[in-house]
Amino acid sequence: MTRRLIPTLVLALSLGAGSALAAEPEPVGPEKPLQTRPETDDDAYILQGWTANILGKGGEGKTRLVVEAEAGYKATATIDGQAQTREHPASYELADKDHRIALKVVDARGAEWSETVDVPRGMVVTVQVKARYEHRGFEGTIKNDTLACRGKSKPRHLRFEIFQGGNQIGNAINLEPGKSAHGVRLKPGVYELKVFEKVGADHRLLKTATLDPKEAQWRYDEGCQ
């Protein structure tokens, strides 16, 4: 796909997560279970897509391609059959003629965006590109640490329910004494954790605590009373 630019042209592109240029994101939202299996490459962010603006203006006698991105980005421009890779900020001085350039941008996490850009003679074409990410949340652990409790503070079968803004997040987590729930993923924010004790067929509220996950491998242990 190519775009011919004139000095007053401003062209905005928005490439969604389903584009061939972006990795297909995994499902997020209510349909995703609260507890997830550990992943080999557990990135806290998921790629949603790219936003790119291609701007053209008079070059005052110079022909140039400029790529404006962010720290850690690399741009590869194929000019007259030669690939030239430069880190942000990337600027390419071009010969005094019309150019059609294959451009690829790779962000710091390895996601790629590519486009064919026309750079007319005597113009400066600026490509502003940025990957859009959503924070997936931090994985942590909740443990029923009552196995060694004695006396009145005996081992208990516990249920943990997580709420935010009055809405329950995910499903309840039921744990026998000494058991843990790993891979509990929560996005940054403050949550209310309700801890229940199993009494017969019912559950009695024991306490309410606060969860404020700020990093991976957070944990909450409920011990002896």
C-alpha atoms as a PDB file:
ATOM      1  CA  MET A   1       0.000   0.000   0.000  1.00  0.00           C
ATOM      2  CA  THR A   2       1.499   3.344  -0.995  1.00  0.00           C
ATOM      3  CA  ARG A   3       0.612   6.958  -0.354  1.00  0.00           C
ATOM      4  CA  ARG A   4       1.568   9.957  -2.493  1.00  0.00           C
ATOM      5  CA  LEU A   5       2.165  13.064  -0.455  1.00  0.00           C
ATOM      6  CA  ILE A   6       1.819  16.752  -1.252  1.00  0.00           C
ATOM      7  CA  PRO A   7       3.130  19.536   0.966  1.00  0.00           C
ATOM      8  CA  THR A   8      -0.159  20.013   2.840  1.00  0.00           C
ATOM      9  CA  LEU A   9      -0.986  16.330   3.284  1.00  0.00           C
ATOM     10  CA  VAL A  10      -1.450  14.779   6.728  1.00  0.00           C
ATOM     11  CA  LEU A  11      -2.411  11.094   6.662  1.00  0.00           C
ATOM     12  CA  ALA A  12      -3.361   9.141   9.795  1.00  0.00           C
ATOM     13  CA  LEU A  13      -3.373   5.337   9.925  1.00  0.00           C
ATOM     14  CA  SER A  14      -4.747   3.179  12.707  1.00  0.00           C
ATOM     15  CA  LEU A  15      -3.940  -0.512  12.488  1.00  0.00           C
ATOM     16  CA  GLY A  16      -5.971  -2.742  14.769  1.00  0.00           C
ATOM     17  CA  ALA A  17      -4.836  -5.804  16.662  1.00  0.00           C
ATOM     18  CA  GLY A  18      -6.241  -8.056  13.956  1.00  0.00           C
ATOM     19  CA  SER A  19      -3.988  -6.567  11.275  1.00  0.00           C
ATOM     20  CA  ALA A  20      -1.455  -8.782   9.569  1.00  0.00           C
ATOM     21  CA  LEU A  21       1.130  -6.335  10.872  1.00  0.00           C
ATOM     22  CA  ALA A  22       0.374  -7.041  14.527  1.00  0.00           C
ATOM     23  CA  ALA A  23       0.428 -10.164  16.651  1.00  0.00           C
ATOM     24  CA  GLU A  24      -3.022 -11.561  17.414  1.00  0.00           C
ATOM     25  CA  PRO A  25      -3.768 -10.817  21.092  1.00  0.00           C
ATOM     26  CA  GLU A  26      -5.040 -13.487  23.420  1.00  0.00           C
ATOM     27  CA  PRO A  27      -8.562 -13.030  24.830  1.00  0.00           C
ATOM     28  CA  VAL A  28      -9.007 -10.606  27.710  1.00  0.00           C
ATOM     29  CA  GLY A  29     -12.039  -9.589  29.705  1.00  0.00           C
ATOM     30  CA  PRO A  30     -14.716 -11.397  31.693  1.00  0.00           C
ATOM     31  CA  GLU A  31     -14.436 -14.549  29.576  1.00  0.00           C
ATOM     32  CA  LYS A  32     -10.827 -15.061  30.653  1.00  0.00           C
ATOM     33  CA  PRO A  33     -10.568 -17.028  33.936  1.00  0.00           C
ATOM     34  CA  LEU A  34      -9.019 -15.380  36.946  1.00  0.00           C
ATOM     35  CA  GLN A  35      -6.505 -18.183  37.374  1.00  0.00           C
ATOM     36  CA  THR A  36      -4.282 -18.763  34.372  1.00  0.00           C
ATOM     37  CA  ARG A  37      -1.603 -21.310  33.661  1.00  0.00           C
ATOM     38  CA  PRO A  38       1.978 -20.027  34.031  1.00  0.00           C
ATOM     39  CA  GLU A  39       3.500 -18.927  30.724  1.00  0.00           C
ATOM     40  CA  THR A  40       7.083 -19.388  29.581  1.00  0.00           C
ATOM     41  CA  ASP A  41       7.277 -15.760  28.435  1.00  0.00           C
ATOM     42  CA  ASP A  42       5.091 -13.836  30.856  1.00  0.00           C
ATOM     43  CA  ASP A  43       5.011 -10.293  29.471  1.00  0.00           C
ATOM     44  CA  ALA A  44       2.884  -7.912  31.530  1.00  0.00           C
ATOM     45  CA  TYR A  45       1.730  -6.164  28.348  1.00  0.00           C
ATOM     46  CA  ILE A  46      -0.237  -7.365  25.325  1.00  0.00           C
ATOM     47  CA  LEU A  47      -0.017  -5.712  21.903  1.00  0.00           C
ATOM     48  CA  GLN A  48      -3.287  -4.118  20.790  1.00  0.00           C
ATOM     49  CA  GLY A  49      -2.067  -2.641  17.499  1.00  0.00           C
ATOM     50  CA  TRP A  50      -0.214   0.320  16.052  1.00  0.00           C
ATOM     51  CA  THR A  51      -0.911   3.997  15.440  1.00  0.00           C
ATOM     52  CA  ALA A  52       0.984   5.698  12.608  1.00  0.00           C
ATOM     53  CA  ASN A  53       0.903   9.236  11.207  1.00  0.00           C
ATOM     54  CA  ILE A  54       2.624   9.991   7.898  1.00  0.00           C
ATOM     55  CA  LEU A  55       3.296  13.704   7.436  1.00  0.00           C
ATOM     56  CA  GLY A  56       4.730  15.518   4.385  1.00  0.00           C
ATOM     57  CA  LYS A  57       6.068  19.066   4.020  1.00  0.00           C
ATOM     58  CA  GLY A  58       8.414  21.037   1.814  1.00  0.00           C
ATOM     59  CA  GLY A  59      12.056  20.146   2.349  1.00  0.00           C
ATOM     60  CA  GLU A  60      13.566  23.488   1.313  1.00  0.00           C
ATOM     61  CA  GLY A  61      15.689  21.772  -1.308  1.00  0.00           C
ATOM     62  CA  LYS A  62      16.309  18.576   0.678  1.00  0.00           C
ATOM     63  CA  THR A  63      14.696  15.161   0.319  1.00  0.00           C
ATOM     64  CA  ARG A  64      14.504  13.272   3.587  1.00  0.00           C
ATOM     65  CA  LEU A  65      12.714  10.490   5.465  1.00  0.00           C
ATOM     66  CA  VAL A  66      12.335  10.858   9.230  1.00  0.00           C
ATOM     67  CA  VAL A  67      10.995   8.180  11.581  1.00  0.00           C
ATOM     68  CA  GLU A  68       9.781   9.422  14.953  1.00  0.00           C
ATOM     69  CA  ALA A  69       9.154   6.671  17.484  1.00  0.00           C
ATOM     70  CA  GLU A  70      10.215   5.971  21.063  1.00  0.00           C
ATOM     71  CA  ALA A  71      13.348   4.882  22.863  1.00  0.00           C
ATOM     72  CA  GLY A  72      14.279   1.337  21.948  1.00  0.00           C
ATOM     73  CA  TYR A  73      12.615   1.443  18.516  1.00  0.00           C
ATOM     74  CA  LYS A  74      14.599   0.535  15.387  1.00  0.00           C
ATOM     75  CA  ALA A  75      13.735   1.559  11.834  1.00  0.00           C
ATOM     76  CA  THR A  76      14.858  -0.247   8.691  1.00  0.00           C
ATOM     77  CA  ALA A  77      14.391   1.655   5.424  1.00  0.00           C
ATOM     78  CA  THR A  78      15.146  -0.071   2.115  1.00  0.00           C
ATOM     79  CA  ILE A  79      16.454   2.688  -0.166  1.00  0.00           C
ATOM     80  CA  ASP A  80      17.482   1.854  -3.738  1.00  0.00           C
ATOM     81  CA  GLY A  81      17.658  -1.812  -2.762  1.00  0.00           C
ATOM     82  CA  GLN A  82      19.851  -1.215   0.288  1.00  0.00           C
ATOM     83  CA  ALA A  83      18.459  -1.816   3.807  1.00  0.00           C
ATOM     84  CA  GLN A  84      19.580   0.767   6.348  1.00  0.00           C
ATOM     85  CA  THR A  85      18.762   0.169  10.034  1.00  0.00           C
ATOM     86  CA  ARG A  86      18.907   2.983  12.554  1.00  0.00           C
ATOM     87  CA  GLU A  87      17.766   3.446  16.124  1.00  0.00           C
ATOM     88  CA  HIS A  88      15.335   6.123  17.243  1.00  0.00           C
ATOM     89  CA  PRO A  89      15.485   8.908  16.225  1.00  0.00           C
ATOM     90  CA  ALA A  90      16.058   7.812  12.634  1.00  0.00           C
ATOM     91  CA  SER A  91      16.679  10.228   9.758  1.00  0.00           C
ATOM     92  CA  TYR A  92      17.588   9.345   6.172  1.00  0.00           C
ATOM     93  CA  GLU A  93      19.059  11.898   3.762  1.00  0.00           C
ATOM     94  CA  LEU A  94      17.925  10.911   0.258  1.00  0.00           C
ATOM     95  CA  ALA A  95      19.067  11.593  -3.271  1.00  0.00           C
ATOM     96  CA  ASP A  96      17.382  14.431  -5.153  1.00  0.00           C
ATOM     97  CA  LYS A  97      14.622  12.342  -6.781  1.00  0.00           C
ATOM     98  CA  ASP A  98      11.322  10.625  -6.060  1.00  0.00           C
ATOM     99  CA  HIS A  99      11.600   7.607  -3.746  1.00  0.00           C
ATOM    100  CA  ARG A 100       9.405   4.652  -2.867  1.00  0.00           C
ATOM    101  CA  ILE A 101      10.728   3.169   0.379  1.00  0.00           C
ATOM    102  CA  ALA A 102       9.852  -0.046   2.203  1.00  0.00           C
ATOM    103  CA  LEU A 103       9.913   0.862   5.897  1.00  0.00           C
ATOM    104  CA  LYS A 104       9.865  -1.490   8.876  1.00  0.00           C
ATOM    105  CA  VAL A 105       9.783  -0.403  12.508  1.00  0.00           C
ATOM    106  CA  VAL A 106      10.494  -2.776  15.412  1.00  0.00           C
ATOM    107  CA  ASP A 107       9.651  -1.728  18.949  1.00  0.00           C
ATOM    108  CA  ALA A 108      11.609  -2.546  22.091  1.00  0.00           C
ATOM    109  CA  ARG A 109       9.545  -5.718  22.692  1.00  0.00           C
ATOM    110  CA  GLY A 110      10.088  -7.022  19.172  1.00  0.00           C
ATOM    111  CA  ALA A 111       6.692  -6.186  17.617  1.00  0.00           C
ATOM    112  CA  GLU A 112       6.913  -5.099  13.962  1.00  0.00           C
ATOM    113  CA  TRP A 113       5.098  -2.517  11.810  1.00  0.00           C
ATOM    114  CA  SER A 114       5.775  -2.069   8.083  1.00  0.00           C
ATOM    115  CA  GLU A 115       4.568   0.190   5.282  1.00  0.00           C
ATOM    116  CA  THR A 116       5.631   1.448   1.853  1.00  0.00           C
ATOM    117  CA  VAL A 117       6.146   5.209   1.936  1.00  0.00           C
ATOM    118  CA  ASP A 118       6.503   7.593  -1.024  1.00  0.00           C
ATOM    119  CA  VAL A 119       8.973  10.443  -0.522  1.00  0.00           C
ATOM    120  CA  PRO A 120       8.642  12.932  -3.406  1.00  0.00           C
ATOM    121  CA  ARG A 121      11.663  14.920  -4.532  1.00  0.00           C
ATOM    122  CA  GLY A 122      12.292  18.018  -2.413  1.00  0.00           C
ATOM    123  CA  MET A 123      10.062  16.929   0.491  1.00  0.00           C
ATOM    124  CA  VAL A 124      10.563  15.803   4.070  1.00  0.00           C
ATOM    125  CA  VAL A 125       8.299  12.917   4.991  1.00  0.00           C
ATOM    126  CA  THR A 126       7.962  12.143   8.694  1.00  0.00           C
ATOM    127  CA  VAL A 127       6.549   8.835   9.921  1.00  0.00           C
ATOM    128  CA  GLN A 128       5.347   8.910  13.532  1.00  0.00           C
ATOM    129  CA  VAL A 129       4.691   5.379  14.763  1.00  0.00           C
ATOM    130  CA  LYS A 130       3.816   3.866  18.138  1.00  0.00           C
ATOM    131  CA  ALA A 131       2.720   0.426  19.312  1.00  0.00           C
ATOM    132  CA  ARG A 132      -0.368   0.334  21.547  1.00  0.00           C
ATOM    133  CA  TYR A 133      -0.256  -2.016  24.523  1.00  0.00           C
ATOM    134  CA  GLU A 134      -2.651  -2.994  27.276  1.00  0.00           C
ATOM    135  CA  HIS A 135      -1.400  -4.008  30.693  1.00  0.00           C
ATOM    136  CA  ARG A 136      -2.382  -7.632  31.281  1.00  0.00           C
ATOM    137  CA  GLY A 137      -1.903  -7.509  35.030  1.00  0.00           C
ATOM    138  CA  PHE A 138       0.477  -9.091  37.490  1.00  0.00           C
ATOM    139  CA  GLU A 139       0.395 -12.766  38.410  1.00  0.00           C
ATOM    140  CA  GLY A 140       0.501 -13.630  42.095  1.00  0.00           C
ATOM    141  CA  THR A 141      -0.350 -16.274  44.680  1.00  0.00           C
ATOM    142  CA  ILE A 142      -3.025 -16.660  47.342  1.00  0.00           C
ATOM    143  CA  LYS A 143      -2.336 -19.266  50.030  1.00  0.00           C
ATOM    144  CA  ASN A 144      -4.410 -20.887  52.764  1.00  0.00           C
ATOM    145  CA  ASP A 145      -1.600 -21.013  55.320  1.00  0.00           C
ATOM    146  CA  THR A 146      -3.592 -22.558  58.186  1.00  0.00           C
ATOM    147  CA  LEU A 147      -2.292 -26.134  57.944  1.00  0.00           C
ATOM    148  CA  ALA A 148      -0.091 -25.825  61.039  1.00  0.00           C
ATOM    149  CA  CYS A 149      -2.633 -23.896  63.138  1.00  0.00           C
ATOM    150  CA  ARG A 150      -3.602 -25.385  66.517  1.00  0.00           C
ATOM    151  CA  GLY A 151      -6.256 -24.875  69.180  1.00  0.00           C
ATOM    152  CA  LYS A 152      -8.984 -22.388  68.393  1.00  0.00           C
ATOM    153  CA  SER A 153      -6.973 -21.294  65.388  1.00  0.00           C
ATOM    154  CA  LYS A 154      -7.362 -24.677  63.739  1.00  0.00           C
ATOM    155  CA  PRO A 155      -6.788 -25.490  60.068  1.00  0.00           C
ATOM    156  CA  ARG A 156      -9.619 -24.075  57.972  1.00  0.00           C
ATOM    157  CA  HIS A 157     -11.060 -24.592  54.513  1.00  0.00           C
ATOM    158  CA  LEU A 158     -11.128 -21.077  53.048  1.00  0.00           C
ATOM    159  CA  ARG A 159     -12.786 -19.299  50.148  1.00  0.00           C
ATOM    160  CA  PHE A 160     -11.302 -16.125  48.663  1.00  0.00           C
ATOM    161  CA  GLU A 161     -13.351 -13.663  46.625  1.00  0.00           C
ATOM    162  CA  ILE A 162     -11.880 -10.558  44.966  1.00  0.00           C
ATOM    163  CA  PHE A 163     -13.919  -7.392  44.362  1.00  0.00           C
ATOM    164  CA  GLN A 164     -13.319  -4.003  42.777  1.00  0.00           C
ATOM    165  CA  GLY A 165     -15.903  -1.226  42.665  1.00  0.00           C
ATOM    166  CA  GLY A 166     -18.492  -3.573  44.110  1.00  0.00           C
ATOM    167  CA  ASN A 167     -18.038  -6.119  41.290  1.00  0.00           C
ATOM    168  CA  GLN A 168     -16.521  -9.547  41.789  1.00  0.00           C
ATOM    169  CA  ILE A 169     -13.388 -10.194  39.725  1.00  0.00           C
ATOM    170  CA  GLY A 170     -13.150 -13.733  38.404  1.00  0.00           C
ATOM    171  CA  ASN A 171     -14.388 -16.792  40.255  1.00  0.00           C
ATOM    172  CA  ALA A 172     -14.130 -17.635  43.937  1.00  0.00           C
ATOM    173  CA  ILE A 173     -10.976 -19.522  44.936  1.00  0.00           C
ATOM    174  CA  ASN A 174     -11.532 -22.439  47.327  1.00  0.00           C
ATOM    175  CA  LEU A 175      -8.444 -23.726  49.126  1.00  0.00           C
ATOM    176  CA  GLU A 176      -7.857 -26.527  51.581  1.00  0.00           C
ATOM    177  CA  PRO A 177      -5.378 -25.929  54.444  1.00  0.00           C
ATOM    178  CA  GLY A 178      -1.835 -25.601  53.120  1.00  0.00           C
ATOM    179  CA  LYS A 179      -2.931 -25.202  49.484  1.00  0.00           C
ATOM    180  CA  SER A 180      -2.109 -22.279  47.194  1.00  0.00           C
ATOM    181  CA  ALA A 181      -3.643 -20.718  44.081  1.00  0.00           C
ATOM    182  CA  HIS A 182      -0.890 -19.704  41.669  1.00  0.00           C
ATOM    183  CA  GLY A 183      -1.239 -17.527  38.581  1.00  0.00           C
ATOM    184  CA  VAL A 184      -3.883 -15.181  39.984  1.00  0.00           C
ATOM    185  CA  ARG A 185      -3.672 -12.268  37.535  1.00  0.00           C
ATOM    186  CA  LEU A 186      -4.811  -8.794  38.551  1.00  0.00           C
ATOM    187  CA  LYS A 187      -4.377  -5.517  36.716  1.00  0.00           C
ATOM    188  CA  PRO A 188      -2.829  -2.619  38.661  1.00  0.00           C
ATOM    189  CA  GLY A 189      -5.331  -1.181  41.108  1.00  0.00           C
ATOM    190  CA  VAL A 190      -6.759  -1.620  44.587  1.00  0.00           C
ATOM    191  CA  TYR A 191      -8.973  -4.632  45.290  1.00  0.00           C
ATOM    192  CA  GLU A 192     -11.052  -5.872  48.189  1.00  0.00           C
ATOM    193  CA  LEU A 193     -10.328  -9.474  49.210  1.00  0.00           C
ATOM    194  CA  LYS A 194     -13.034 -11.268  51.188  1.00  0.00           C
ATOM    195  CA  VAL A 195     -11.951 -14.353  53.102  1.00  0.00           C
ATOM    196  CA  PHE A 196     -14.586 -16.922  54.084  1.00  0.00           C
ATOM    197  CA  GLU A 197     -14.359 -20.009  56.287  1.00  0.00           C
ATOM    198  CA  LYS A 198     -16.272 -23.122  55.287  1.00  0.00           C
ATOM    199  CA  VAL A 199     -18.746 -24.091  58.008  1.00  0.00           C
ATOM    200  CA  GLY A 200     -20.719 -27.168  57.007  1.00  0.00           C
ATOM    201  CA  ALA A 201     -22.268 -26.442  53.626  1.00  0.00           C
ATOM    202  CA  ASP A 202     -22.007 -22.671  54.121  1.00  0.00           C
ATOM    203  CA  HIS A 203     -19.237 -20.073  54.180  1.00  0.00           C
ATOM    204  CA  ARG A 204     -18.822 -17.509  56.975  1.00  0.00           C
ATOM    205  CA  LEU A 205     -17.024 -14.216  56.350  1.00  0.00           C
ATOM    206  CA  LEU A 206     -13.834 -14.103  58.392  1.00  0.00           C
ATOM    207  CA  LYS A 207     -12.243 -10.872  57.259  1.00  0.00           C
ATOM    208  CA  THR A 208     -11.813  -8.330  54.483  1.00  0.00           C
ATOM    209  CA  ALA A 209      -8.353  -7.374  53.316  1.00  0.00           C
ATOM    210  CA  THR A 210      -6.857  -5.088  50.646  1.00  0.00           C
ATOM    211  CA  LEU A 211      -4.910  -6.229  47.604  1.00  0.00           C
ATOM    212  CA  ASP A 212      -2.770  -3.687  45.745  1.00  0.00           C
ATOM    213  CA  PRO A 213      -0.636  -5.632  43.226  1.00  0.00           C
ATOM    214  CA  LYS A 214       2.255  -3.543  41.932  1.00  0.00           C
ATOM    215  CA  GLU A 215       4.614  -6.218  40.629  1.00  0.00           C
ATOM    216  CA  ALA A 216       4.746  -9.790  39.420  1.00  0.00           C
ATOM    217  CA  GLN A 217       4.795 -12.632  41.974  1.00  0.00           C
ATOM    218  CA  TRP A 218       2.777 -10.715  44.570  1.00  0.00           C
ATOM    219  CA  ARG A 219       1.275 -12.954  47.241  1.00  0.00           C
ATOM    220  CA  TYR A 220      -1.318 -13.032  50.004  1.00  0.00           C
ATOM    221  CA  ASP A 221      -1.091 -15.603  52.835  1.00  0.00           C
ATOM    222  CA  GLU A 222      -4.006 -16.177  55.206  1.00  0.00           C
ATOM    223  CA  GLY A 223      -2.569 -17.673  58.378  1.00  0.00           C
ATOM    224  CA  CYS A 224      -3.676 -18.552  61.890  1.00  0.00           C
ATOM    225  CA  GLN A 225      -6.203 -16.321  63.625  1.00  0.00           C
END
